[in-house]
Amino acid sequence: MENREELKQLIARIKGGNTDQFGVIIERYQKLVAHVVFKMVTTEADREDVCQEVFVKVYQKLDSFRFQSKLSTWIATIAYNTSLNYLEKKRVPLLDDVAPQESPLERIAAEDNTPDETAEYKDLSALLIEEIDRLPVQYGTILALYHLEDMSYKEISQITRIPDGTVKSHIFRARKLLKDRLLAKYKQEDLCR
């Protein structure tokens, strides 16, 4: 939960020249920025650069933050837009599958392992995270904001500039796509163990 008065004081100290205090913002919001950037930017080598660019922009634009939204929503918007700019430069589509390579689930399923052997090979939750990463960029990003950052439809709508109903629809479609992919690769009982 963001304490508005605490944030006002922190931002005032930063604006007043105490730039070391910006480290508090970085520490507090680096996980949020990583969730957005890592879901959108699939190139490992570029992720760190994009995250750094986000925090540079946050620092440069801190004067423009007017407390009309949560600071987390404002920072996530910057992270989202910075990632969008990166994707536009790389010409990456937002709602198409951008990871055509074989997924870890496909690789393990192809080995005809029993569920116990599969569990030994790799934890199912790690596989699930990897499969979420294979979702179209828009879906994976919105799922991360909703489930990992506990943001509301309204907050996600503000960040992505997508109507609330479309955000809800994207979450539904992303969950269905993920479920269909998992069920296509494993039997229902294998996934519930």
N, C-alpha and C. Protein backbone atom coordinates (compact mmCIF):
# COMPACT_ATOMS: atom_id res chain seq x y z
N MET A 1 0.85 -1.18 0.00
CA MET A 1 0.00 0.00 0.00
C MET A 1 0.89 1.24 0.00
N GLU A 2 0.52 2.19 -0.79
CA GLU A 2 1.31 3.41 -0.91
C GLU A 2 0.78 4.47 0.06
N ASN A 3 1.67 4.98 0.89
CA ASN A 3 1.32 6.06 1.81
C ASN A 3 1.56 7.38 1.09
N ARG A 4 0.49 8.10 0.82
CA ARG A 4 0.55 9.32 0.02
C ARG A 4 1.46 10.38 0.65
N GLU A 5 1.35 10.59 1.94
CA GLU A 5 2.17 11.61 2.61
C GLU A 5 3.65 11.24 2.59
N GLU A 6 3.92 9.96 2.82
CA GLU A 6 5.30 9.47 2.79
C GLU A 6 5.90 9.68 1.39
N LEU A 7 5.11 9.37 0.37
CA LEU A 7 5.57 9.55 -1.01
C LEU A 7 5.81 11.02 -1.34
N LYS A 8 4.92 11.89 -0.87
CA LYS A 8 5.08 13.34 -1.11
C LYS A 8 6.39 13.82 -0.50
N GLN A 9 6.68 13.38 0.71
CA GLN A 9 7.93 13.78 1.38
C GLN A 9 9.15 13.23 0.65
N LEU A 10 9.07 11.97 0.24
CA LEU A 10 10.17 11.34 -0.49
C LEU A 10 10.44 12.08 -1.80
N ILE A 11 9.40 12.36 -2.55
CA ILE A 11 9.55 13.06 -3.82
C ILE A 11 10.07 14.47 -3.61
N ALA A 12 9.60 15.14 -2.55
CA ALA A 12 10.08 16.49 -2.24
C ALA A 12 11.58 16.46 -1.93
N ARG A 13 12.04 15.45 -1.20
CA ARG A 13 13.47 15.34 -0.90
C ARG A 13 14.28 15.13 -2.17
N ILE A 14 13.77 14.29 -3.08
CA ILE A 14 14.46 14.04 -4.34
C ILE A 14 14.51 15.32 -5.17
N LYS A 15 13.36 15.99 -5.29
CA LYS A 15 13.30 17.25 -6.05
C LYS A 15 14.19 18.32 -5.42
N GLY A 16 14.35 18.24 -4.11
CA GLY A 16 15.17 19.20 -3.37
C GLY A 16 16.67 18.96 -3.51
N GLY A 17 17.03 17.92 -4.26
CA GLY A 17 18.45 17.69 -4.50
C GLY A 17 19.02 16.46 -3.84
N ASN A 18 18.25 15.77 -3.01
CA ASN A 18 18.74 14.56 -2.35
C ASN A 18 18.50 13.37 -3.29
N THR A 19 19.34 13.30 -4.31
CA THR A 19 19.16 12.28 -5.34
C THR A 19 19.37 10.85 -4.82
N ASP A 20 20.07 10.70 -3.71
CA ASP A 20 20.25 9.37 -3.13
C ASP A 20 18.91 8.74 -2.75
N GLN A 21 17.94 9.58 -2.43
CA GLN A 21 16.62 9.09 -2.05
C GLN A 21 15.89 8.41 -3.21
N PHE A 22 16.34 8.67 -4.43
CA PHE A 22 15.72 8.00 -5.58
C PHE A 22 15.94 6.49 -5.49
N GLY A 23 16.97 6.07 -4.81
CA GLY A 23 17.22 4.63 -4.59
C GLY A 23 16.06 3.96 -3.88
N VAL A 24 15.35 4.71 -3.04
CA VAL A 24 14.19 4.16 -2.34
C VAL A 24 13.09 3.82 -3.36
N ILE A 25 12.90 4.71 -4.32
CA ILE A 25 11.90 4.46 -5.37
C ILE A 25 12.31 3.26 -6.21
N ILE A 26 13.58 3.20 -6.57
CA ILE A 26 14.06 2.06 -7.36
C ILE A 26 13.84 0.76 -6.61
N GLU A 27 14.22 0.74 -5.35
CA GLU A 27 14.08 -0.48 -4.55
C GLU A 27 12.62 -0.89 -4.40
N ARG A 28 11.76 0.09 -4.18
CA ARG A 28 10.34 -0.18 -3.95
C ARG A 28 9.62 -0.66 -5.21
N TYR A 29 10.03 -0.17 -6.38
CA TYR A 29 9.28 -0.43 -7.61
C TYR A 29 10.03 -1.24 -8.66
N GLN A 30 11.22 -1.74 -8.34
CA GLN A 30 11.98 -2.50 -9.34
C GLN A 30 11.27 -3.80 -9.72
N LYS A 31 10.59 -4.43 -8.79
CA LYS A 31 9.88 -5.67 -9.09
C LYS A 31 8.72 -5.38 -10.05
N LEU A 32 7.99 -4.30 -9.82
CA LEU A 32 6.90 -3.91 -10.70
C LEU A 32 7.42 -3.65 -12.12
N VAL A 33 8.49 -2.87 -12.22
CA VAL A 33 9.08 -2.56 -13.52
C VAL A 33 9.54 -3.84 -14.21
N ALA A 34 10.16 -4.72 -13.46
CA ALA A 34 10.62 -6.00 -14.04
C ALA A 34 9.44 -6.82 -14.55
N HIS A 35 8.34 -6.86 -13.80
CA HIS A 35 7.17 -7.62 -14.24
C HIS A 35 6.66 -7.11 -15.59
N VAL A 36 6.59 -5.80 -15.73
CA VAL A 36 6.10 -5.23 -16.98
C VAL A 36 7.10 -5.46 -18.11
N VAL A 37 8.34 -5.06 -17.87
CA VAL A 37 9.36 -5.14 -18.93
C VAL A 37 9.63 -6.58 -19.33
N PHE A 38 9.77 -7.49 -18.38
CA PHE A 38 10.11 -8.87 -18.69
C PHE A 38 8.99 -9.58 -19.44
N LYS A 39 7.74 -9.16 -19.24
CA LYS A 39 6.63 -9.77 -19.98
C LYS A 39 6.58 -9.25 -21.41
N MET A 40 7.09 -8.06 -21.63
CA MET A 40 7.00 -7.44 -22.95
C MET A 40 8.27 -7.60 -23.77
N VAL A 41 9.41 -7.50 -23.12
CA VAL A 41 10.70 -7.56 -23.81
C VAL A 41 11.23 -8.98 -23.65
N THR A 42 11.25 -9.72 -24.74
CA THR A 42 11.63 -11.13 -24.66
C THR A 42 13.13 -11.34 -24.83
N THR A 43 13.83 -10.35 -25.32
CA THR A 43 15.26 -10.47 -25.53
C THR A 43 15.98 -10.21 -24.21
N GLU A 44 16.58 -11.26 -23.68
CA GLU A 44 17.25 -11.21 -22.38
C GLU A 44 18.24 -10.04 -22.29
N ALA A 45 19.03 -9.85 -23.33
CA ALA A 45 20.07 -8.82 -23.32
C ALA A 45 19.50 -7.40 -23.24
N ASP A 46 18.28 -7.20 -23.73
CA ASP A 46 17.70 -5.86 -23.75
C ASP A 46 16.89 -5.53 -22.50
N ARG A 47 16.51 -6.52 -21.74
CA ARG A 47 15.63 -6.30 -20.59
C ARG A 47 16.23 -5.32 -19.58
N GLU A 48 17.49 -5.52 -19.23
CA GLU A 48 18.13 -4.65 -18.24
C GLU A 48 18.21 -3.22 -18.75
N ASP A 49 18.54 -3.06 -20.03
CA ASP A 49 18.61 -1.71 -20.62
C ASP A 49 17.26 -1.02 -20.57
N VAL A 50 16.20 -1.75 -20.89
CA VAL A 50 14.86 -1.16 -20.87
C VAL A 50 14.47 -0.79 -19.43
N CYS A 51 14.77 -1.65 -18.47
CA CYS A 51 14.48 -1.34 -17.06
C CYS A 51 15.22 -0.08 -16.61
N GLN A 52 16.48 0.03 -16.99
CA GLN A 52 17.25 1.23 -16.64
C GLN A 52 16.65 2.47 -17.29
N GLU A 53 16.25 2.32 -18.55
CA GLU A 53 15.63 3.44 -19.25
C GLU A 53 14.34 3.88 -18.55
N VAL A 54 13.58 2.93 -18.04
CA VAL A 54 12.36 3.26 -17.31
C VAL A 54 12.68 4.13 -16.10
N PHE A 55 13.66 3.71 -15.31
CA PHE A 55 13.97 4.49 -14.10
C PHE A 55 14.61 5.84 -14.42
N VAL A 56 15.33 5.93 -15.52
CA VAL A 56 15.84 7.24 -15.95
C VAL A 56 14.66 8.15 -16.27
N LYS A 57 13.67 7.63 -16.98
CA LYS A 57 12.49 8.42 -17.32
C LYS A 57 11.69 8.79 -16.07
N VAL A 58 11.57 7.86 -15.14
CA VAL A 58 10.86 8.16 -13.88
C VAL A 58 11.55 9.33 -13.18
N TYR A 59 12.86 9.28 -13.09
CA TYR A 59 13.62 10.35 -12.44
C TYR A 59 13.42 11.67 -13.18
N GLN A 60 13.54 11.63 -14.50
CA GLN A 60 13.42 12.85 -15.30
C GLN A 60 12.02 13.45 -15.24
N LYS A 61 11.00 12.62 -15.10
CA LYS A 61 9.61 13.08 -15.12
C LYS A 61 8.99 13.21 -13.74
N LEU A 62 9.77 13.01 -12.71
CA LEU A 62 9.23 13.04 -11.35
C LEU A 62 8.50 14.34 -11.04
N ASP A 63 8.97 15.45 -11.62
CA ASP A 63 8.29 16.73 -11.42
C ASP A 63 6.86 16.72 -11.97
N SER A 64 6.60 15.88 -12.95
CA SER A 64 5.27 15.86 -13.56
C SER A 64 4.27 14.96 -12.82
N PHE A 65 4.73 14.19 -11.83
CA PHE A 65 3.82 13.34 -11.07
C PHE A 65 2.97 14.22 -10.16
N ARG A 66 1.65 14.15 -10.32
CA ARG A 66 0.72 15.04 -9.59
C ARG A 66 -0.15 14.32 -8.57
N PHE A 67 0.14 13.08 -8.25
CA PHE A 67 -0.61 12.31 -7.26
C PHE A 67 -2.07 12.12 -7.67
N GLN A 68 -2.34 12.13 -8.97
CA GLN A 68 -3.69 11.87 -9.45
C GLN A 68 -3.94 10.36 -9.56
N SER A 69 -2.89 9.58 -9.45
CA SER A 69 -2.97 8.13 -9.42
C SER A 69 -1.94 7.65 -8.42
N LYS A 70 -1.89 6.35 -8.22
CA LYS A 70 -0.84 5.79 -7.38
C LYS A 70 0.49 5.95 -8.10
N LEU A 71 1.57 6.08 -7.34
CA LEU A 71 2.89 6.16 -7.94
C LEU A 71 3.19 4.86 -8.70
N SER A 72 2.73 3.73 -8.17
CA SER A 72 2.96 2.45 -8.84
C SER A 72 2.29 2.43 -10.22
N THR A 73 1.10 2.98 -10.33
CA THR A 73 0.40 3.04 -11.61
C THR A 73 1.15 3.94 -12.58
N TRP A 74 1.63 5.06 -12.09
CA TRP A 74 2.38 6.02 -12.91
C TRP A 74 3.67 5.38 -13.43
N ILE A 75 4.40 4.71 -12.54
CA ILE A 75 5.66 4.06 -12.92
C ILE A 75 5.38 2.90 -13.88
N ALA A 76 4.34 2.13 -13.62
CA ALA A 76 3.99 1.02 -14.51
C ALA A 76 3.62 1.54 -15.90
N THR A 77 2.99 2.71 -15.95
CA THR A 77 2.66 3.32 -17.25
C THR A 77 3.92 3.67 -18.01
N ILE A 78 4.89 4.22 -17.32
CA ILE A 78 6.17 4.55 -17.95
C ILE A 78 6.86 3.27 -18.43
N ALA A 79 6.83 2.23 -17.60
CA ALA A 79 7.45 0.96 -17.98
C ALA A 79 6.73 0.37 -19.20
N TYR A 80 5.43 0.43 -19.20
CA TYR A 80 4.64 -0.11 -20.31
C TYR A 80 4.94 0.66 -21.60
N ASN A 81 4.91 1.99 -21.53
CA ASN A 81 5.15 2.80 -22.73
C ASN A 81 6.59 2.66 -23.23
N THR A 82 7.54 2.57 -22.33
CA THR A 82 8.94 2.38 -22.73
C THR A 82 9.10 1.02 -23.42
N SER A 83 8.45 0.01 -22.88
CA SER A 83 8.50 -1.32 -23.49
C SER A 83 7.79 -1.32 -24.85
N LEU A 84 6.67 -0.61 -24.94
CA LEU A 84 5.97 -0.49 -26.22
C LEU A 84 6.87 0.15 -27.28
N ASN A 85 7.57 1.21 -26.88
CA ASN A 85 8.50 1.87 -27.81
C ASN A 85 9.57 0.89 -28.28
N TYR A 86 10.10 0.10 -27.35
CA TYR A 86 11.09 -0.91 -27.71
C TYR A 86 10.50 -1.90 -28.72
N LEU A 87 9.28 -2.38 -28.45
CA LEU A 87 8.64 -3.35 -29.34
C LEU A 87 8.35 -2.76 -30.71
N GLU A 88 7.96 -1.49 -30.75
CA GLU A 88 7.71 -0.83 -32.03
C GLU A 88 9.00 -0.74 -32.85
N LYS A 89 10.10 -0.43 -32.19
CA LYS A 89 11.39 -0.37 -32.89
C LYS A 89 11.77 -1.75 -33.43
N LYS A 90 11.46 -2.78 -32.67
CA LYS A 90 11.79 -4.16 -33.08
C LYS A 90 10.69 -4.78 -33.94
N ARG A 91 9.59 -4.06 -34.12
CA ARG A 91 8.43 -4.52 -34.91
C ARG A 91 7.87 -5.83 -34.39
N VAL A 92 7.66 -5.89 -33.08
CA VAL A 92 7.11 -7.08 -32.44
C VAL A 92 5.60 -6.87 -32.26
N PRO A 93 4.77 -7.79 -32.74
CA PRO A 93 3.31 -7.66 -32.57
C PRO A 93 2.91 -7.89 -31.12
N LEU A 94 1.84 -7.22 -30.68
CA LEU A 94 1.41 -7.32 -29.28
C LEU A 94 0.48 -8.49 -29.00
N LEU A 95 -0.32 -8.88 -29.96
CA LEU A 95 -1.30 -9.93 -29.69
C LEU A 95 -1.04 -11.21 -30.48
N ASP A 96 0.13 -11.33 -31.05
CA ASP A 96 0.53 -12.55 -31.75
C ASP A 96 1.53 -13.30 -30.87
N ASP A 97 1.59 -14.60 -31.07
CA ASP A 97 2.62 -15.37 -30.38
C ASP A 97 3.96 -14.95 -30.94
N VAL A 98 4.86 -14.55 -30.06
CA VAL A 98 6.16 -14.08 -30.51
C VAL A 98 7.27 -15.05 -30.14
N ALA A 99 6.90 -16.20 -29.61
CA ALA A 99 7.90 -17.19 -29.21
C ALA A 99 7.62 -18.51 -29.92
N PRO A 100 7.97 -18.60 -31.18
CA PRO A 100 7.64 -19.80 -31.93
C PRO A 100 8.47 -21.02 -31.54
N GLN A 101 9.55 -20.83 -30.81
CA GLN A 101 10.39 -21.96 -30.46
C GLN A 101 9.62 -22.92 -29.55
N GLU A 102 10.10 -24.13 -29.48
CA GLU A 102 9.45 -25.15 -28.67
C GLU A 102 9.46 -24.74 -27.21
N SER A 103 8.33 -24.87 -26.56
CA SER A 103 8.25 -24.51 -25.16
C SER A 103 8.80 -25.64 -24.29
N PRO A 104 9.18 -25.33 -23.05
CA PRO A 104 9.66 -26.39 -22.15
C PRO A 104 8.61 -27.48 -21.94
N LEU A 105 7.32 -27.10 -21.93
CA LEU A 105 6.28 -28.10 -21.76
C LEU A 105 6.24 -29.06 -22.94
N GLU A 106 6.38 -28.53 -24.14
CA GLU A 106 6.40 -29.39 -25.33
C GLU A 106 7.61 -30.31 -25.31
N ARG A 107 8.75 -29.78 -24.90
CA ARG A 107 9.97 -30.57 -24.86
C ARG A 107 9.84 -31.72 -23.87
N ILE A 108 9.32 -31.45 -22.68
CA ILE A 108 9.19 -32.48 -21.66
C ILE A 108 8.12 -33.49 -22.06
N ALA A 109 6.98 -33.02 -22.58
CA ALA A 109 5.91 -33.92 -22.99
C ALA A 109 6.39 -34.84 -24.10
N ALA A 110 7.23 -34.33 -24.97
CA ALA A 110 7.73 -35.13 -26.09
C ALA A 110 8.66 -36.25 -25.62
N GLU A 111 9.19 -36.14 -24.43
CA GLU A 111 10.10 -37.15 -23.91
C GLU A 111 9.37 -38.35 -23.32
N ASP A 112 8.03 -38.34 -23.33
CA ASP A 112 7.22 -39.43 -22.79
C ASP A 112 7.54 -39.74 -21.34
N ASN A 113 7.78 -38.71 -20.58
CA ASN A 113 8.03 -38.89 -19.15
C ASN A 113 6.73 -39.12 -18.40
N THR A 114 6.83 -39.84 -17.29
CA THR A 114 5.68 -39.95 -16.40
C THR A 114 5.57 -38.62 -15.66
N PRO A 115 4.44 -38.36 -15.05
CA PRO A 115 4.32 -37.11 -14.29
C PRO A 115 5.38 -36.97 -13.20
N ASP A 116 5.74 -38.07 -12.55
CA ASP A 116 6.77 -38.00 -11.52
C ASP A 116 8.12 -37.60 -12.11
N GLU A 117 8.45 -38.16 -13.26
CA GLU A 117 9.71 -37.81 -13.91
C GLU A 117 9.70 -36.35 -14.36
N THR A 118 8.55 -35.92 -14.83
CA THR A 118 8.43 -34.53 -15.26
C THR A 118 8.63 -33.59 -14.07
N ALA A 119 8.03 -33.93 -12.94
CA ALA A 119 8.18 -33.11 -11.74
C ALA A 119 9.63 -33.06 -11.29
N GLU A 120 10.33 -34.18 -11.45
CA GLU A 120 11.74 -34.20 -11.09
C GLU A 120 12.56 -33.33 -12.04
N TYR A 121 12.17 -33.33 -13.30
CA TYR A 121 12.92 -32.55 -14.28
C TYR A 121 12.82 -31.06 -13.99
N LYS A 122 11.62 -30.61 -13.76
CA LYS A 122 11.43 -29.19 -13.51
C LYS A 122 10.12 -28.96 -12.78
N ASP A 123 10.13 -28.09 -11.83
CA ASP A 123 8.95 -27.78 -11.05
C ASP A 123 7.85 -27.24 -11.98
N LEU A 124 6.63 -27.71 -11.79
CA LEU A 124 5.51 -27.32 -12.65
C LEU A 124 5.26 -25.81 -12.61
N SER A 125 5.46 -25.21 -11.45
CA SER A 125 5.23 -23.76 -11.38
C SER A 125 6.22 -23.00 -12.25
N ALA A 126 7.44 -23.48 -12.33
CA ALA A 126 8.42 -22.84 -13.21
C ALA A 126 8.01 -23.02 -14.67
N LEU A 127 7.48 -24.19 -14.99
CA LEU A 127 7.00 -24.43 -16.35
C LEU A 127 5.81 -23.52 -16.67
N LEU A 128 4.95 -23.34 -15.69
CA LEU A 128 3.80 -22.47 -15.88
C LEU A 128 4.24 -21.04 -16.16
N ILE A 129 5.20 -20.57 -15.41
CA ILE A 129 5.72 -19.22 -15.62
C ILE A 129 6.32 -19.10 -17.02
N GLU A 130 7.05 -20.11 -17.44
CA GLU A 130 7.63 -20.08 -18.78
C GLU A 130 6.54 -20.09 -19.85
N GLU A 131 5.47 -20.84 -19.61
CA GLU A 131 4.38 -20.89 -20.58
C GLU A 131 3.64 -19.55 -20.61
N ILE A 132 3.50 -18.90 -19.48
CA ILE A 132 2.91 -17.56 -19.44
C ILE A 132 3.77 -16.60 -20.26
N ASP A 133 5.08 -16.75 -20.15
CA ASP A 133 5.99 -15.90 -20.92
C ASP A 133 5.82 -16.10 -22.43
N ARG A 134 5.28 -17.23 -22.83
CA ARG A 134 5.08 -17.51 -24.26
C ARG A 134 3.76 -16.92 -24.77
N LEU A 135 2.93 -16.43 -23.87
CA LEU A 135 1.68 -15.81 -24.30
C LEU A 135 1.98 -14.56 -25.13
N PRO A 136 1.04 -14.14 -25.96
CA PRO A 136 1.23 -12.87 -26.65
C PRO A 136 1.56 -11.76 -25.65
N VAL A 137 2.37 -10.83 -26.06
CA VAL A 137 2.91 -9.78 -25.17
C VAL A 137 1.83 -9.09 -24.36
N GLN A 138 0.76 -8.65 -25.01
CA GLN A 138 -0.30 -7.91 -24.34
C GLN A 138 -0.93 -8.76 -23.24
N TYR A 139 -1.22 -10.03 -23.54
CA TYR A 139 -1.85 -10.90 -22.56
C TYR A 139 -0.94 -11.16 -21.36
N GLY A 140 0.32 -11.48 -21.62
CA GLY A 140 1.25 -11.76 -20.53
C GLY A 140 1.45 -10.55 -19.63
N THR A 141 1.53 -9.38 -20.22
CA THR A 141 1.72 -8.15 -19.43
C THR A 141 0.51 -7.88 -18.55
N ILE A 142 -0.67 -7.98 -19.12
CA ILE A 142 -1.88 -7.71 -18.35
C ILE A 142 -2.05 -8.76 -17.24
N LEU A 143 -1.75 -10.02 -17.53
CA LEU A 143 -1.81 -11.06 -16.48
C LEU A 143 -0.84 -10.76 -15.35
N ALA A 144 0.36 -10.34 -15.70
CA ALA A 144 1.36 -10.02 -14.67
C ALA A 144 0.89 -8.86 -13.79
N LEU A 145 0.34 -7.83 -14.40
CA LEU A 145 -0.14 -6.70 -13.61
C LEU A 145 -1.30 -7.11 -12.70
N TYR A 146 -2.17 -7.95 -13.23
CA TYR A 146 -3.35 -8.36 -12.46
C TYR A 146 -3.00 -9.35 -11.35
N HIS A 147 -2.26 -10.39 -11.70
CA HIS A 147 -2.01 -11.45 -10.72
C HIS A 147 -0.76 -11.23 -9.88
N LEU A 148 0.30 -10.69 -10.47
CA LEU A 148 1.55 -10.53 -9.72
C LEU A 148 1.63 -9.20 -8.98
N GLU A 149 0.99 -8.17 -9.53
CA GLU A 149 1.04 -6.85 -8.90
C GLU A 149 -0.29 -6.48 -8.23
N ASP A 150 -1.27 -7.37 -8.30
CA ASP A 150 -2.58 -7.15 -7.69
C ASP A 150 -3.23 -5.82 -8.09
N MET A 151 -3.08 -5.47 -9.34
CA MET A 151 -3.69 -4.24 -9.83
C MET A 151 -5.12 -4.50 -10.29
N SER A 152 -5.94 -3.49 -10.17
CA SER A 152 -7.34 -3.58 -10.59
C SER A 152 -7.46 -3.40 -12.10
N TYR A 153 -8.63 -3.73 -12.62
CA TYR A 153 -8.89 -3.49 -14.04
C TYR A 153 -8.69 -2.02 -14.37
N LYS A 154 -9.15 -1.16 -13.48
CA LYS A 154 -9.04 0.28 -13.71
C LYS A 154 -7.58 0.72 -13.78
N GLU A 155 -6.76 0.23 -12.87
CA GLU A 155 -5.33 0.59 -12.88
C GLU A 155 -4.65 0.08 -14.15
N ILE A 156 -4.96 -1.15 -14.54
CA ILE A 156 -4.37 -1.71 -15.76
C ILE A 156 -4.84 -0.90 -16.97
N SER A 157 -6.10 -0.50 -16.95
CA SER A 157 -6.64 0.32 -18.02
C SER A 157 -5.89 1.64 -18.13
N GLN A 158 -5.59 2.26 -16.99
CA GLN A 158 -4.84 3.52 -16.98
C GLN A 158 -3.43 3.31 -17.55
N ILE A 159 -2.80 2.22 -17.19
CA ILE A 159 -1.43 1.95 -17.63
C ILE A 159 -1.38 1.68 -19.13
N THR A 160 -2.27 0.83 -19.60
CA THR A 160 -2.21 0.38 -20.98
C THR A 160 -3.04 1.22 -21.94
N ARG A 161 -3.87 2.10 -21.39
CA ARG A 161 -4.81 2.92 -22.18
C ARG A 161 -5.76 2.04 -22.98
N ILE A 162 -6.14 0.93 -22.37
CA ILE A 162 -7.10 0.00 -22.94
C ILE A 162 -8.35 0.08 -22.06
N PRO A 163 -9.56 0.12 -22.63
CA PRO A 163 -10.77 0.18 -21.80
C PRO A 163 -10.85 -0.97 -20.80
N ASP A 164 -11.50 -0.70 -19.65
CA ASP A 164 -11.64 -1.71 -18.59
C ASP A 164 -12.19 -3.03 -19.13
N GLY A 165 -13.22 -2.96 -19.96
CA GLY A 165 -13.83 -4.17 -20.50
C GLY A 165 -12.86 -4.97 -21.36
N THR A 166 -12.01 -4.27 -22.09
CA THR A 166 -11.02 -4.96 -22.92
C THR A 166 -9.95 -5.61 -22.05
N VAL A 167 -9.58 -4.93 -20.96
CA VAL A 167 -8.62 -5.52 -20.01
C VAL A 167 -9.20 -6.82 -19.46
N LYS A 168 -10.45 -6.76 -19.04
CA LYS A 168 -11.11 -7.95 -18.49
C LYS A 168 -11.15 -9.06 -19.56
N SER A 169 -11.48 -8.69 -20.78
CA SER A 169 -11.53 -9.65 -21.89
C SER A 169 -10.15 -10.26 -22.16
N HIS A 170 -9.10 -9.43 -22.13
CA HIS A 170 -7.75 -9.93 -22.35
C HIS A 170 -7.34 -10.91 -21.25
N ILE A 171 -7.70 -10.62 -20.02
CA ILE A 171 -7.38 -11.53 -18.91
C ILE A 171 -8.09 -12.86 -19.12
N PHE A 172 -9.37 -12.80 -19.48
CA PHE A 172 -10.14 -14.02 -19.74
C PHE A 172 -9.50 -14.82 -20.88
N ARG A 173 -9.19 -14.14 -21.98
CA ARG A 173 -8.60 -14.83 -23.14
C ARG A 173 -7.23 -15.41 -22.83
N ALA A 174 -6.44 -14.66 -22.05
CA ALA A 174 -5.10 -15.15 -21.69
C ALA A 174 -5.20 -16.40 -20.83
N ARG A 175 -6.12 -16.38 -19.88
CA ARG A 175 -6.30 -17.56 -19.02
C ARG A 175 -6.76 -18.76 -19.85
N LYS A 176 -7.70 -18.53 -20.77
CA LYS A 176 -8.20 -19.62 -21.61
C LYS A 176 -7.09 -20.16 -22.51
N LEU A 177 -6.33 -19.27 -23.12
CA LEU A 177 -5.23 -19.70 -23.98
C LEU A 177 -4.21 -20.52 -23.19
N LEU A 178 -3.89 -20.05 -21.99
CA LEU A 178 -2.94 -20.76 -21.14
C LEU A 178 -3.50 -22.14 -20.76
N LYS A 179 -4.77 -22.17 -20.37
CA LYS A 179 -5.40 -23.45 -20.00
C LYS A 179 -5.41 -24.41 -21.19
N ASP A 180 -5.81 -23.92 -22.35
CA ASP A 180 -5.85 -24.77 -23.54
C ASP A 180 -4.47 -25.32 -23.88
N ARG A 181 -3.46 -24.48 -23.79
CA ARG A 181 -2.10 -24.94 -24.09
C ARG A 181 -1.64 -26.02 -23.11
N LEU A 182 -1.94 -25.79 -21.82
CA LEU A 182 -1.52 -26.76 -20.81
C LEU A 182 -2.27 -28.08 -20.97
N LEU A 183 -3.59 -27.98 -21.20
CA LEU A 183 -4.37 -29.21 -21.35
C LEU A 183 -4.00 -29.98 -22.61
N ALA A 184 -3.55 -29.28 -23.63
CA ALA A 184 -3.12 -29.95 -24.86
C ALA A 184 -1.84 -30.74 -24.64
N LYS A 185 -1.08 -30.35 -23.66
CA LYS A 185 0.22 -30.99 -23.43
C LYS A 185 0.21 -32.00 -22.29
N TYR A 186 -0.75 -31.85 -21.38
CA TYR A 186 -0.84 -32.73 -20.22
C TYR A 186 -2.28 -33.12 -20.00
N LYS A 187 -2.48 -34.25 -19.39
CA LYS A 187 -3.82 -34.65 -18.98
C LYS A 187 -4.21 -33.81 -17.76
N GLN A 188 -5.50 -33.63 -17.56
CA GLN A 188 -6.02 -32.84 -16.45
C GLN A 188 -5.45 -33.31 -15.12
N GLU A 189 -5.43 -34.61 -14.89
CA GLU A 189 -4.95 -35.12 -13.59
C GLU A 189 -3.45 -34.88 -13.39
N ASP A 190 -2.69 -34.81 -14.46
CA ASP A 190 -1.25 -34.55 -14.33
C ASP A 190 -1.00 -33.14 -13.83
N LEU A 191 -1.84 -32.21 -14.27
CA LEU A 191 -1.65 -30.81 -13.88
C LEU A 191 -2.11 -30.56 -12.45
N CYS A 192 -3.00 -31.36 -11.93
CA CYS A 192 -3.56 -31.13 -10.60
C CYS A 192 -2.74 -31.80 -9.50
N ARG A 193 -1.72 -32.52 -9.84
CA ARG A 193 -0.91 -33.20 -8.82
C ARG A 193 0.01 -32.27 -8.12
